Every structure is written in structure tokens, then in C-alpha cells.
Amino acid sequence: MKYKSLLTLITVLALSACTIQVPQYRADISNVSKLKEIPNESVSVGKIKSEKNLNKISLRGSPLVSSVGDSYGEYIENALLQELKLAKLWSGVAKKQVSGSLVDHDIDVTGFSEGDAFIKVNFVVSEGNVNLFEKTISAEHTFDSSFMGAIAIPNGQQSYVELVQKLLKNLYSDKDFIEAIK
């Protein structure tokens, strides 16, 4: 009997530490609508850099990794690209380019009923060698959680999509960003 209990414990521990991925980004229609209101030229999307130590988030011991490429920077690039394309503002040959670097982010699922997440990205809009805009944009997100990992971990996993949607909403609401891409 002790052998079965030990085997069950080992199995549970091994499964709890499985790597999980952030769901694929879904463009936020309100973000796309906001972009469509901006009278501007097309922009391209450059690299959003992400330091290696920022490419894993731990959700109660389970590593959460980006579902796009090897980094969360690539995830954010993809999200930005999706929304710009849907708003018909993207061009691969545009002179103005949006790029940046992930400064910090995390998801906390340790709460008994509520989890929270935050993100900070330093965005840059450049044209040639001239920076037209550079600012750190941040977002926070609160979501339902639980003391039960089976609820908290998937909710934390899903919250990253909503967190990035809020980040991009904050970017598109920044007057300096809007002026830079006009």
C-alpha cells in the first residue's frame, strides 16, 4: 500500500510541474476599432526583445511559456502584428516601425479567490535611426482564482491573453504613441 501511495505522490508531483503554454493570442475587437480611428500611415513591427529570465512564469510550480517562438517578446510582437493587420495599418515595408523590450511581467495565482497579473513593455516607434516615441507601457489584470490548482493554474494561463490585450489598449490610448505613428 505504501508503494502505491508513493507512486501516486510522484505522479502528482511530476504532472504538477509540466510546462504549459499561454493560449494563442486573440485580437481584441475594441483595440482594432481604436486603431481604425487613428488617421495614420502604415507601420511595421520590429522585434520585442525579452531577456531569458523573463521567458518563463511559474504558476504554482508549473512553468508557463510563450506559445509563439521562444519568448514572450515574440508573443507580444505577434499580438501587435495581428491587431495592426486587422486595422489595415501594417506594412512590412513601412518606414515607421514599432519595436521594444519586455521589462517585467508576472502572474500570481497564490490567492484563494483572486489572482493578478502585470506587464511592463518599453515600446519604441522609430523612423530610420530616429526614435519618435519611447515609453514604458504597463497593464494589470485581476482574474478569478482558487486555492485549488486545477482552477487557479488554467485561469492564470488564460489571463495572459487578457493582460496583453490590456497592454495594447493602453499603448493605443497613449497620445504620444498616436502622434508618433501619424
C-alpha atoms as a PDB file:
ATOM      1  CA  MET A   1       0.000   0.000   0.000  1.00  0.00           C
ATOM      2  CA  LYS A   2       2.845   2.389   0.807  1.00  0.00           C
ATOM      3  CA  TYR A   3       4.309   1.720  -2.643  1.00  0.00           C
ATOM      4  CA  LYS A   4       1.055   2.794  -4.368  1.00  0.00           C
ATOM      5  CA  SER A   5       0.847   5.953  -2.255  1.00  0.00           C
ATOM      6  CA  LEU A   6       4.432   6.853  -3.074  1.00  0.00           C
ATOM      7  CA  LEU A   7       3.863   6.200  -6.794  1.00  0.00           C
ATOM      8  CA  THR A   8       0.717   8.356  -6.729  1.00  0.00           C
ATOM      9  CA  LEU A   9       2.590  11.177  -4.995  1.00  0.00           C
ATOM     10  CA  ILE A  10       5.423  11.047  -7.529  1.00  0.00           C
ATOM     11  CA  THR A  11       2.931  11.083 -10.411  1.00  0.00           C
ATOM     12  CA  VAL A  12       1.062  14.073  -8.968  1.00  0.00           C
ATOM     13  CA  LEU A  13       4.305  15.987  -8.423  1.00  0.00           C
ATOM     14  CA  ALA A  14       5.529  15.224 -11.929  1.00  0.00           C
ATOM     15  CA  LEU A  15       2.254  16.293 -13.513  1.00  0.00           C
ATOM     16  CA  SER A  16       2.084  19.485 -11.487  1.00  0.00           C
ATOM     17  CA  ALA A  17       5.431  20.628 -12.894  1.00  0.00           C
ATOM     18  CA  CYS A  18       4.543  20.091 -16.569  1.00  0.00           C
ATOM     19  CA  THR A  19       5.276  23.022 -18.831  1.00  0.00           C
ATOM     20  CA  ILE A  20       2.156  24.735 -20.136  1.00  0.00           C
ATOM     21  CA  GLN A  21       1.793  27.328 -22.874  1.00  0.00           C
ATOM     22  CA  VAL A  22      -0.015  30.628 -22.992  1.00  0.00           C
ATOM     23  CA  PRO A  23      -3.068  30.302 -25.284  1.00  0.00           C
ATOM     24  CA  GLN A  24      -2.751  31.770 -28.771  1.00  0.00           C
ATOM     25  CA  TYR A  25      -3.444  35.499 -28.813  1.00  0.00           C
ATOM     26  CA  ARG A  26      -6.904  36.612 -29.905  1.00  0.00           C
ATOM     27  CA  ALA A  27      -7.065  40.146 -31.239  1.00  0.00           C
ATOM     28  CA  ASP A  28      -9.305  42.399 -29.179  1.00  0.00           C
ATOM     29  CA  ILE A  29     -12.000  43.954 -31.367  1.00  0.00           C
ATOM     30  CA  SER A  30     -12.111  47.142 -29.268  1.00  0.00           C
ATOM     31  CA  ASN A  31      -8.333  47.516 -29.765  1.00  0.00           C
ATOM     32  CA  VAL A  32      -8.701  47.079 -33.509  1.00  0.00           C
ATOM     33  CA  SER A  33     -11.568  49.614 -33.560  1.00  0.00           C
ATOM     34  CA  LYS A  34      -9.401  52.106 -31.648  1.00  0.00           C
ATOM     35  CA  LEU A  35      -6.604  51.650 -34.214  1.00  0.00           C
ATOM     36  CA  LYS A  36      -9.021  52.188 -37.100  1.00  0.00           C
ATOM     37  CA  GLU A  37      -9.905  55.620 -35.666  1.00  0.00           C
ATOM     38  CA  ILE A  38      -6.293  56.792 -35.997  1.00  0.00           C
ATOM     39  CA  PRO A  39      -5.537  58.610 -39.249  1.00  0.00           C
ATOM     40  CA  ASN A  40      -2.019  57.445 -39.993  1.00  0.00           C
ATOM     41  CA  GLU A  41       0.371  55.754 -42.326  1.00  0.00           C
ATOM     42  CA  SER A  42       1.169  52.077 -42.163  1.00  0.00           C
ATOM     43  CA  VAL A  43       3.697  50.866 -39.626  1.00  0.00           C
ATOM     44  CA  SER A  44       5.814  47.737 -39.441  1.00  0.00           C
ATOM     45  CA  VAL A  45       6.509  45.625 -36.373  1.00  0.00           C
ATOM     46  CA  GLY A  46      10.081  45.041 -35.278  1.00  0.00           C
ATOM     47  CA  LYS A  47      11.450  42.878 -32.505  1.00  0.00           C
ATOM     48  CA  ILE A  48      10.096  42.988 -28.982  1.00  0.00           C
ATOM     49  CA  LYS A  49      13.122  41.774 -27.035  1.00  0.00           C
ATOM     50  CA  SER A  50      12.782  39.592 -23.985  1.00  0.00           C
ATOM     51  CA  GLU A  51      15.556  38.629 -21.591  1.00  0.00           C
ATOM     52  CA  LYS A  52      15.907  34.903 -20.998  1.00  0.00           C
ATOM     53  CA  ASN A  53      14.879  35.180 -17.333  1.00  0.00           C
ATOM     54  CA  LEU A  54      11.534  36.688 -18.430  1.00  0.00           C
ATOM     55  CA  ASN A  55      10.594  33.806 -20.718  1.00  0.00           C
ATOM     56  CA  LYS A  56       9.058  31.595 -18.037  1.00  0.00           C
ATOM     57  CA  ILE A  57       6.393  32.369 -15.488  1.00  0.00           C
ATOM     58  CA  SER A  58       5.735  29.939 -12.658  1.00  0.00           C
ATOM     59  CA  LEU A  59       2.124  29.068 -11.878  1.00  0.00           C
ATOM     60  CA  ARG A  60       2.387  27.121  -8.616  1.00  0.00           C
ATOM     61  CA  GLY A  61       5.461  25.324  -9.867  1.00  0.00           C
ATOM     62  CA  SER A  62       4.212  24.775 -13.404  1.00  0.00           C
ATOM     63  CA  PRO A  63       6.284  26.735 -15.938  1.00  0.00           C
ATOM     64  CA  LEU A  64       4.163  28.865 -18.282  1.00  0.00           C
ATOM     65  CA  VAL A  65       5.909  29.604 -21.583  1.00  0.00           C
ATOM     66  CA  SER A  66       5.047  31.568 -24.702  1.00  0.00           C
ATOM     67  CA  SER A  67       3.115  29.773 -27.420  1.00  0.00           C
ATOM     68  CA  VAL A  68       4.883  31.893 -30.070  1.00  0.00           C
ATOM     69  CA  GLY A  69       8.566  31.281 -30.689  1.00  0.00           C
ATOM     70  CA  ASP A  70      10.915  31.084 -27.734  1.00  0.00           C
ATOM     71  CA  SER A  71       9.957  34.239 -25.872  1.00  0.00           C
ATOM     72  CA  TYR A  72       7.180  36.401 -24.538  1.00  0.00           C
ATOM     73  CA  GLY A  73       8.626  39.191 -26.676  1.00  0.00           C
ATOM     74  CA  GLU A  74       7.644  37.204 -29.766  1.00  0.00           C
ATOM     75  CA  TYR A  75       4.181  36.673 -28.271  1.00  0.00           C
ATOM     76  CA  ILE A  76       3.716  40.442 -27.864  1.00  0.00           C
ATOM     77  CA  GLU A  77       5.094  41.053 -31.402  1.00  0.00           C
ATOM     78  CA  ASN A  78       2.533  38.604 -32.753  1.00  0.00           C
ATOM     79  CA  ALA A  79      -0.305  40.264 -30.812  1.00  0.00           C
ATOM     80  CA  LEU A  80       0.668  43.723 -32.068  1.00  0.00           C
ATOM     81  CA  LEU A  81       1.007  42.429 -35.618  1.00  0.00           C
ATOM     82  CA  GLN A  82      -2.432  40.763 -35.519  1.00  0.00           C
ATOM     83  CA  GLU A  83      -4.178  43.918 -34.394  1.00  0.00           C
ATOM     84  CA  LEU A  84      -2.348  46.217 -36.815  1.00  0.00           C
ATOM     85  CA  LYS A  85      -3.150  43.868 -39.707  1.00  0.00           C
ATOM     86  CA  LEU A  86      -6.832  43.712 -38.766  1.00  0.00           C
ATOM     87  CA  ALA A  87      -6.920  47.523 -38.605  1.00  0.00           C
ATOM     88  CA  LYS A  88      -5.176  47.602 -42.024  1.00  0.00           C
ATOM     89  CA  LEU A  89      -2.300  49.651 -40.576  1.00  0.00           C
ATOM     90  CA  TRP A  90       0.516  47.147 -41.056  1.00  0.00           C
ATOM     91  CA  SER A  91       3.013  47.060 -43.892  1.00  0.00           C
ATOM     92  CA  GLY A  92       6.195  45.030 -43.979  1.00  0.00           C
ATOM     93  CA  VAL A  93       7.944  47.882 -45.808  1.00  0.00           C
ATOM     94  CA  ALA A  94       6.639  50.829 -43.768  1.00  0.00           C
ATOM     95  CA  LYS A  95       9.236  53.416 -42.765  1.00  0.00           C
ATOM     96  CA  LYS A  96       7.867  53.710 -39.228  1.00  0.00           C
ATOM     97  CA  GLN A  97       8.398  50.698 -37.016  1.00  0.00           C
ATOM     98  CA  VAL A  98       7.102  49.673 -33.590  1.00  0.00           C
ATOM     99  CA  SER A  99       9.572  47.634 -31.529  1.00  0.00           C
ATOM    100  CA  GLY A 100      10.553  47.383 -27.880  1.00  0.00           C
ATOM    101  CA  SER A 101      11.552  45.204 -24.986  1.00  0.00           C
ATOM    102  CA  LEU A 102       9.734  43.365 -22.245  1.00  0.00           C
ATOM    103  CA  VAL A 103      10.705  44.995 -18.943  1.00  0.00           C
ATOM    104  CA  ASP A 104       8.840  42.765 -16.485  1.00  0.00           C
ATOM    105  CA  HIS A 105       5.742  40.591 -16.118  1.00  0.00           C
ATOM    106  CA  ASP A 106       4.273  38.007 -13.768  1.00  0.00           C
ATOM    107  CA  ILE A 107       1.108  36.148 -12.893  1.00  0.00           C
ATOM    108  CA  ASP A 108       0.224  35.394  -9.272  1.00  0.00           C
ATOM    109  CA  VAL A 109      -2.191  32.512  -8.701  1.00  0.00           C
ATOM    110  CA  THR A 110      -1.479  32.059  -4.979  1.00  0.00           C
ATOM    111  CA  GLY A 111      -4.627  33.877  -3.839  1.00  0.00           C
ATOM    112  CA  PHE A 112      -7.575  31.862  -2.558  1.00  0.00           C
ATOM    113  CA  SER A 113     -10.163  33.591  -4.724  1.00  0.00           C
ATOM    114  CA  GLU A 114      -8.382  36.175  -6.849  1.00  0.00           C
ATOM    115  CA  GLY A 115      -5.268  36.179  -8.998  1.00  0.00           C
ATOM    116  CA  ASP A 116      -3.456  39.084 -10.535  1.00  0.00           C
ATOM    117  CA  ALA A 117      -1.023  39.758 -13.333  1.00  0.00           C
ATOM    118  CA  PHE A 118       1.067  42.663 -14.527  1.00  0.00           C
ATOM    119  CA  ILE A 119       3.229  43.523 -17.509  1.00  0.00           C
ATOM    120  CA  LYS A 120       5.577  46.361 -18.495  1.00  0.00           C
ATOM    121  CA  VAL A 121       6.944  46.818 -22.005  1.00  0.00           C
ATOM    122  CA  ASN A 122       9.192  49.596 -23.267  1.00  0.00           C
ATOM    123  CA  PHE A 123       7.776  50.436 -26.706  1.00  0.00           C
ATOM    124  CA  VAL A 124       9.696  52.389 -29.342  1.00  0.00           C
ATOM    125  CA  VAL A 125       8.412  53.912 -32.573  1.00  0.00           C
ATOM    126  CA  SER A 126      11.244  54.761 -34.925  1.00  0.00           C
ATOM    127  CA  GLU A 127      11.696  56.003 -38.445  1.00  0.00           C
ATOM    128  CA  GLY A 128      15.153  55.194 -39.744  1.00  0.00           C
ATOM    129  CA  ASN A 129      17.603  55.974 -36.942  1.00  0.00           C
ATOM    130  CA  VAL A 130      15.295  58.474 -35.216  1.00  0.00           C
ATOM    131  CA  ASN A 131      13.143  57.486 -32.238  1.00  0.00           C
ATOM    132  CA  LEU A 132       9.767  59.213 -32.479  1.00  0.00           C
ATOM    133  CA  PHE A 133       8.388  57.613 -29.320  1.00  0.00           C
ATOM    134  CA  GLU A 134       9.820  55.664 -26.417  1.00  0.00           C
ATOM    135  CA  LYS A 135       7.801  54.887 -23.320  1.00  0.00           C
ATOM    136  CA  THR A 136       7.212  52.051 -20.880  1.00  0.00           C
ATOM    137  CA  ILE A 137       3.574  51.000 -21.063  1.00  0.00           C
ATOM    138  CA  SER A 138       2.124  48.786 -18.362  1.00  0.00           C
ATOM    139  CA  ALA A 139      -1.068  46.895 -17.627  1.00  0.00           C
ATOM    140  CA  GLU A 140      -2.575  44.982 -14.742  1.00  0.00           C
ATOM    141  CA  HIS A 141      -5.238  42.294 -14.761  1.00  0.00           C
ATOM    142  CA  THR A 142      -7.241  40.650 -11.979  1.00  0.00           C
ATOM    143  CA  PHE A 143      -8.981  37.315 -12.508  1.00  0.00           C
ATOM    144  CA  ASP A 144     -10.833  34.603 -10.588  1.00  0.00           C
ATOM    145  CA  SER A 145      -8.544  32.133  -8.896  1.00  0.00           C
ATOM    146  CA  SER A 146      -8.874  29.404  -6.300  1.00  0.00           C
ATOM    147  CA  PHE A 147      -6.906  27.573  -3.649  1.00  0.00           C
ATOM    148  CA  MET A 148      -7.338  24.557  -5.951  1.00  0.00           C
ATOM    149  CA  GLY A 149      -4.558  24.404  -8.532  1.00  0.00           C
ATOM    150  CA  ALA A 150      -6.870  22.765 -11.068  1.00  0.00           C
ATOM    151  CA  ILE A 151      -8.788  26.059 -11.217  1.00  0.00           C
ATOM    152  CA  ALA A 152      -6.054  28.600 -10.441  1.00  0.00           C
ATOM    153  CA  ILE A 153      -3.487  27.410 -12.997  1.00  0.00           C
ATOM    154  CA  PRO A 154      -5.763  27.389 -16.100  1.00  0.00           C
ATOM    155  CA  ASN A 155      -7.236  30.758 -15.065  1.00  0.00           C
ATOM    156  CA  GLY A 156      -3.724  32.174 -14.696  1.00  0.00           C
ATOM    157  CA  GLN A 157      -2.756  30.692 -18.051  1.00  0.00           C
ATOM    158  CA  GLN A 158      -5.755  32.301 -19.780  1.00  0.00           C
ATOM    159  CA  SER A 159      -5.187  35.622 -18.017  1.00  0.00           C
ATOM    160  CA  TYR A 160      -2.019  36.304 -20.036  1.00  0.00           C
ATOM    161  CA  VAL A 161      -4.051  36.822 -23.213  1.00  0.00           C
ATOM    162  CA  GLU A 162      -6.281  39.347 -21.446  1.00  0.00           C
ATOM    163  CA  LEU A 163      -3.225  41.020 -19.896  1.00  0.00           C
ATOM    164  CA  VAL A 164      -1.632  41.576 -23.327  1.00  0.00           C
ATOM    165  CA  GLN A 165      -4.945  42.865 -24.691  1.00  0.00           C
ATOM    166  CA  LYS A 166      -4.985  45.456 -21.889  1.00  0.00           C
ATOM    167  CA  LEU A 167      -1.331  46.321 -22.539  1.00  0.00           C
ATOM    168  CA  LEU A 168      -2.042  47.050 -26.199  1.00  0.00           C
ATOM    169  CA  LYS A 169      -5.186  49.003 -25.296  1.00  0.00           C
ATOM    170  CA  ASN A 170      -3.029  51.200 -23.050  1.00  0.00           C
ATOM    171  CA  LEU A 171      -0.485  51.625 -25.865  1.00  0.00           C
ATOM    172  CA  TYR A 172      -3.147  52.649 -28.383  1.00  0.00           C
ATOM    173  CA  SER A 173      -4.607  55.097 -25.834  1.00  0.00           C
ATOM    174  CA  ASP A 174      -1.290  56.879 -25.342  1.00  0.00           C
ATOM    175  CA  LYS A 175      -1.437  60.266 -27.100  1.00  0.00           C
ATOM    176  CA  ASP A 176       2.316  60.326 -27.713  1.00  0.00           C
ATOM    177  CA  PHE A 177       2.147  56.906 -29.406  1.00  0.00           C
ATOM    178  CA  ILE A 178      -0.717  58.078 -31.614  1.00  0.00           C
ATOM    179  CA  GLU A 179       1.238  61.187 -32.643  1.00  0.00           C
ATOM    180  CA  ALA A 180       4.327  59.087 -33.418  1.00  0.00           C
ATOM    181  CA  ILE A 181       2.528  56.757 -35.816  1.00  0.00           C
ATOM    182  CA  LYS A 182       0.560  59.512 -37.626  1.00  0.00           C
END
